[in-house]
C-alpha atoms as a PDB file:
ATOM      1  CA  MET A   1       0.000   0.000   0.000  1.00  0.00           C
ATOM      2  CA  ASP A   2       1.208   3.535  -0.740  1.00  0.00           C
ATOM      3  CA  ALA A   3       3.052   4.973   2.273  1.00  0.00           C
ATOM      4  CA  ARG A   4       0.608   7.913   2.357  1.00  0.00           C
ATOM      5  CA  VAL A   5      -2.332   5.567   2.969  1.00  0.00           C
ATOM      6  CA  ALA A   6      -3.085   3.664   6.172  1.00  0.00           C
ATOM      7  CA  VAL A   7      -6.008   1.728   7.583  1.00  0.00           C
ATOM      8  CA  ALA A   8      -7.749   3.789  10.285  1.00  0.00           C
ATOM      9  CA  THR A   9      -8.615   1.898  13.453  1.00  0.00           C
ATOM     10  CA  THR A  10      -7.909   4.112  16.456  1.00  0.00           C
ATOM     11  CA  PRO A  11     -10.388   6.665  17.820  1.00  0.00           C
ATOM     12  CA  GLU A  12      -8.012   9.451  16.755  1.00  0.00           C
ATOM     13  CA  GLU A  13      -7.772   8.145  13.184  1.00  0.00           C
ATOM     14  CA  LEU A  14     -11.532   7.641  12.965  1.00  0.00           C
ATOM     15  CA  ALA A  15     -11.995  11.228  14.210  1.00  0.00           C
ATOM     16  CA  VAL A  16      -9.928  12.427  11.236  1.00  0.00           C
ATOM     17  CA  ALA A  17     -12.039  10.259   8.925  1.00  0.00           C
ATOM     18  CA  GLY A  18     -15.226  11.658  10.490  1.00  0.00           C
ATOM     19  CA  ARG A  19     -13.983  15.207   9.909  1.00  0.00           C
ATOM     20  CA  LEU A  20     -13.153  14.456   6.274  1.00  0.00           C
ATOM     21  CA  LEU A  21     -16.518  12.791   5.626  1.00  0.00           C
ATOM     22  CA  HIS A  22     -18.282  15.751   7.231  1.00  0.00           C
ATOM     23  CA  GLU A  23     -16.319  18.102   4.953  1.00  0.00           C
ATOM     24  CA  PHE A  24     -17.257  15.937   1.970  1.00  0.00           C
ATOM     25  CA  ASN A  25     -20.964  16.173   2.714  1.00  0.00           C
ATOM     26  CA  THR A  26     -20.960  19.874   3.510  1.00  0.00           C
ATOM     27  CA  ALA A  27     -18.929  20.614   0.358  1.00  0.00           C
ATOM     28  CA  HIS A  28     -21.770  19.024  -1.630  1.00  0.00           C
ATOM     29  CA  ASP A  29     -24.559  20.665   0.416  1.00  0.00           C
ATOM     30  CA  ASP A  30     -25.593  17.266   1.769  1.00  0.00           C
ATOM     31  CA  PRO A  31     -26.676  16.843   5.387  1.00  0.00           C
ATOM     32  CA  SER A  32     -24.159  15.529   7.882  1.00  0.00           C
ATOM     33  CA  PRO A  33     -24.650  14.417  11.481  1.00  0.00           C
ATOM     34  CA  GLY A  34     -21.308  16.086  12.248  1.00  0.00           C
ATOM     35  CA  PRO A  35     -17.748  14.816  12.497  1.00  0.00           C
ATOM     36  CA  ASP A  36     -18.103  13.351  15.996  1.00  0.00           C
ATOM     37  CA  ALA A  37     -21.208  11.363  15.074  1.00  0.00           C
ATOM     38  CA  LEU A  38     -19.538  10.125  11.905  1.00  0.00           C
ATOM     39  CA  ALA A  39     -16.435   9.028  13.840  1.00  0.00           C
ATOM     40  CA  ALA A  40     -18.634   7.147  16.320  1.00  0.00           C
ATOM     41  CA  ARG A  41     -20.533   5.436  13.497  1.00  0.00           C
ATOM     42  CA  LEU A  42     -17.281   4.503  11.769  1.00  0.00           C
ATOM     43  CA  ALA A  43     -16.064   2.864  14.990  1.00  0.00           C
ATOM     44  CA  VAL A  44     -19.156   0.643  14.992  1.00  0.00           C
ATOM     45  CA  LEU A  45     -18.788  -0.219  11.315  1.00  0.00           C
ATOM     46  CA  VAL A  46     -15.044  -0.930  11.521  1.00  0.00           C
ATOM     47  CA  ALA A  47     -15.779  -3.451  14.258  1.00  0.00           C
ATOM     48  CA  ARG A  48     -18.242  -5.213  11.945  1.00  0.00           C
ATOM     49  CA  ASP A  49     -17.616  -5.038   8.217  1.00  0.00           C
ATOM     50  CA  THR A  50     -15.841  -1.886   7.095  1.00  0.00           C
ATOM     51  CA  ASP A  51     -12.366  -0.619   6.222  1.00  0.00           C
ATOM     52  CA  VAL A  52     -11.552   3.064   6.570  1.00  0.00           C
ATOM     53  CA  LEU A  53      -8.413   4.261   4.828  1.00  0.00           C
ATOM     54  CA  LEU A  54      -6.815   7.628   5.484  1.00  0.00           C
ATOM     55  CA  GLY A  55      -4.486   9.399   3.115  1.00  0.00           C
ATOM     56  CA  ASP A  56      -2.206  11.980   4.718  1.00  0.00           C
ATOM     57  CA  GLU A  57      -5.171  13.223   6.799  1.00  0.00           C
ATOM     58  CA  GLU A  58      -6.390  14.867   3.573  1.00  0.00           C
ATOM     59  CA  GLY A  59      -8.277  11.957   2.027  1.00  0.00           C
ATOM     60  CA  VAL A  60     -10.562   9.152   3.134  1.00  0.00           C
ATOM     61  CA  ALA A  61     -12.001   5.994   1.631  1.00  0.00           C
ATOM     62  CA  VAL A  62     -14.643   3.740   3.173  1.00  0.00           C
ATOM     63  CA  VAL A  63     -15.138   0.166   1.948  1.00  0.00           C
ATOM     64  CA  ARG A  64     -18.049  -1.939   3.149  1.00  0.00           C
ATOM     65  CA  TYR A  65     -17.946  -5.726   2.904  1.00  0.00           C
ATOM     66  CA  ARG A  66     -21.098  -7.802   2.679  1.00  0.00           C
ATOM     67  CA  PRO A  67     -21.950 -11.441   2.138  1.00  0.00           C
ATOM     68  CA  SER A  68     -22.312 -12.329  -1.507  1.00  0.00           C
ATOM     69  CA  LEU A  69     -25.151 -14.266  -3.032  1.00  0.00           C
ATOM     70  CA  TRP A  70     -22.940 -15.473  -5.888  1.00  0.00           C
ATOM     71  CA  ALA A  71     -19.739 -16.445  -4.074  1.00  0.00           C
ATOM     72  CA  PRO A  72     -18.729 -17.732  -0.632  1.00  0.00           C
ATOM     73  CA  GLU A  73     -16.446 -14.698  -0.145  1.00  0.00           C
ATOM     74  CA  ASP A  74     -17.660 -11.208   0.750  1.00  0.00           C
ATOM     75  CA  GLU A  75     -18.115  -8.609  -1.952  1.00  0.00           C
ATOM     76  CA  ALA A  76     -16.684  -5.098  -1.557  1.00  0.00           C
ATOM     77  CA  TYR A  77     -18.462  -1.776  -2.040  1.00  0.00           C
ATOM     78  CA  LEU A  78     -16.650   1.562  -2.053  1.00  0.00           C
ATOM     79  CA  ALA A  79     -19.077   3.673  -0.044  1.00  0.00           C
ATOM     80  CA  GLU A  80     -17.005   6.879  -0.043  1.00  0.00           C
ATOM     81  CA  LEU A  81     -13.781   8.236  -1.451  1.00  0.00           C
ATOM     82  CA  TRP A  82     -12.937  11.897  -0.947  1.00  0.00           C
ATOM     83  CA  VAL A  83      -9.823  14.003  -1.133  1.00  0.00           C
ATOM     84  CA  ASP A  84      -9.711  17.549   0.207  1.00  0.00           C
ATOM     85  CA  PRO A  85      -9.568  19.981  -2.724  1.00  0.00           C
ATOM     86  CA  SER A  86      -6.175  21.277  -1.536  1.00  0.00           C
ATOM     87  CA  ALA A  87      -4.672  17.791  -2.059  1.00  0.00           C
ATOM     88  CA  ARG A  88      -6.234  16.946  -5.419  1.00  0.00           C
ATOM     89  CA  GLY A  89      -3.891  16.330  -8.307  1.00  0.00           C
ATOM     90  CA  THR A  90      -1.254  14.791  -6.018  1.00  0.00           C
ATOM     91  CA  GLY A  91      -2.180  11.160  -6.686  1.00  0.00           C
ATOM     92  CA  LEU A  92      -3.749  10.764  -3.257  1.00  0.00           C
ATOM     93  CA  GLY A  93      -7.132   9.705  -4.664  1.00  0.00           C
ATOM     94  CA  ARG A  94      -5.430   7.065  -6.793  1.00  0.00           C
ATOM     95  CA  ALA A  95      -3.429   5.856  -3.769  1.00  0.00           C
ATOM     96  CA  LEU A  96      -6.628   5.564  -1.718  1.00  0.00           C
ATOM     97  CA  LEU A  97      -8.436   3.700  -4.501  1.00  0.00           C
ATOM     98  CA  ARG A  98      -5.533   1.318  -4.954  1.00  0.00           C
ATOM     99  CA  GLY A  99      -5.421   0.783  -1.191  1.00  0.00           C
ATOM    100  CA  THR A 100      -9.099  -0.153  -1.129  1.00  0.00           C
ATOM    101  CA  LEU A 101      -8.651  -2.557  -4.030  1.00  0.00           C
ATOM    102  CA  GLU A 102      -5.654  -4.120  -2.278  1.00  0.00           C
ATOM    103  CA  ARG A 103      -7.620  -4.602   0.947  1.00  0.00           C
ATOM    104  CA  ALA A 104     -10.528  -6.187  -0.947  1.00  0.00           C
ATOM    105  CA  ARG A 105      -8.180  -8.550  -2.777  1.00  0.00           C
ATOM    106  CA  GLU A 106      -6.526  -9.509   0.529  1.00  0.00           C
ATOM    107  CA  ARG A 107      -9.975 -10.445   1.863  1.00  0.00           C
ATOM    108  CA  GLY A 108     -10.560 -12.621  -1.197  1.00  0.00           C
ATOM    109  CA  CYS A 109     -13.437 -10.516  -2.529  1.00  0.00           C
ATOM    110  CA  PRO A 110     -14.369 -11.675  -6.039  1.00  0.00           C
ATOM    111  CA  TRP A 111     -15.466  -8.182  -7.102  1.00  0.00           C
ATOM    112  CA  PHE A 112     -15.492  -4.550  -6.092  1.00  0.00           C
ATOM    113  CA  GLU A 113     -18.169  -2.040  -6.943  1.00  0.00           C
ATOM    114  CA  LEU A 114     -18.937   1.623  -6.491  1.00  0.00           C
ATOM    115  CA  SER A 115     -21.278   4.326  -7.714  1.00  0.00           C
ATOM    116  CA  THR A 116     -20.604   7.875  -8.793  1.00  0.00           C
ATOM    117  CA  SER A 117     -22.520  10.524 -10.658  1.00  0.00           C
ATOM    118  CA  GLU A 118     -22.280  11.099 -14.380  1.00  0.00           C
ATOM    119  CA  ASP A 119     -21.038  14.647 -13.861  1.00  0.00           C
ATOM    120  CA  ASP A 120     -18.121  13.598 -11.623  1.00  0.00           C
ATOM    121  CA  VAL A 121     -15.805  13.359 -14.593  1.00  0.00           C
ATOM    122  CA  ALA A 122     -12.581  13.363 -12.551  1.00  0.00           C
ATOM    123  CA  ALA A 123     -13.739  10.457 -10.368  1.00  0.00           C
ATOM    124  CA  ARG A 124     -14.935   8.498 -13.375  1.00  0.00           C
ATOM    125  CA  ALA A 125     -11.594   9.038 -15.128  1.00  0.00           C
ATOM    126  CA  LEU A 126      -9.751   7.816 -12.025  1.00  0.00           C
ATOM    127  CA  TYR A 127     -11.913   4.714 -11.677  1.00  0.00           C
ATOM    128  CA  GLU A 128     -11.685   3.835 -15.357  1.00  0.00           C
ATOM    129  CA  SER A 129      -7.906   4.365 -15.413  1.00  0.00           C
ATOM    130  CA  GLU A 130      -7.653   1.729 -12.659  1.00  0.00           C
ATOM    131  CA  GLY A 131      -9.660  -0.814 -14.660  1.00  0.00           C
ATOM    132  CA  LEU A 132     -13.166  -0.298 -13.255  1.00  0.00           C
ATOM    133  CA  HIS A 133     -15.962  -0.136 -15.799  1.00  0.00           C
ATOM    134  CA  ALA A 134     -19.502   1.232 -15.797  1.00  0.00           C
ATOM    135  CA  THR A 135     -20.890  -1.817 -17.545  1.00  0.00           C
ATOM    136  CA  GLU A 136     -22.202  -5.231 -16.584  1.00  0.00           C
ATOM    137  CA  GLY A 137     -18.959  -7.039 -17.217  1.00  0.00           C
ATOM    138  CA  VAL A 138     -16.303  -5.780 -19.581  1.00  0.00           C
ATOM    139  CA  GLY A 139     -18.005  -4.726 -22.810  1.00  0.00           C
ATOM    140  CA  GLY A 140     -21.488  -5.344 -21.428  1.00  0.00           C
ATOM    141  CA  PRO A 141     -24.384  -2.920 -21.309  1.00  0.00           C
ATOM    142  CA  VAL A 142     -24.168   0.261 -19.254  1.00  0.00           C
ATOM    143  CA  ALA A 143     -24.976  -0.378 -15.592  1.00  0.00           C
ATOM    144  CA  TYR A 144     -27.188   2.000 -13.616  1.00  0.00           C
ATOM    145  CA  HIS A 145     -27.318   2.701  -9.900  1.00  0.00           C
ATOM    146  CA  TYR A 146     -30.743   3.563  -8.448  1.00  0.00           C
ATOM    147  CA  GLU A 147     -31.704   4.809  -5.019  1.00  0.00           C
ATOM    148  CA  ILE A 148     -34.653   6.148  -3.078  1.00  0.00           C
ATOM    149  CA  ASP A 149     -34.911   7.769   0.334  1.00  0.00           C
ATOM    150  CA  LEU A 150     -37.112   5.721   2.654  1.00  0.00           C
END
């Protein structure tokens, strides 16, 4: 794993991750329960089924693992990846993404998935440059992500 990236496990590291996730949401005008609440939630998730990676205290990635219907191993879902605007263009986002892929491979996950918006061109370029594709299998039809607030 890139030396700038480390798995967050301590309360202090999860507090940094909570701060970064709060900044991510507020930067996009999305609601946030606040950095302390996010750090507390991350502590619960890390104990169960989640990896949190920090990059130089300027970037964060959160990977959730869940049982797979199609394989005995867990599947991996990149729930969040965010780099502070001041650190963009330094390769930190790529290092975080590669770190999450490495962790998922180490766990034996047969696949890794994520969602992003069509207008997030920089994120899409990063993901595609690392071999991810927005299709059902390589060369398959375009895949869509749907959601609804309940």
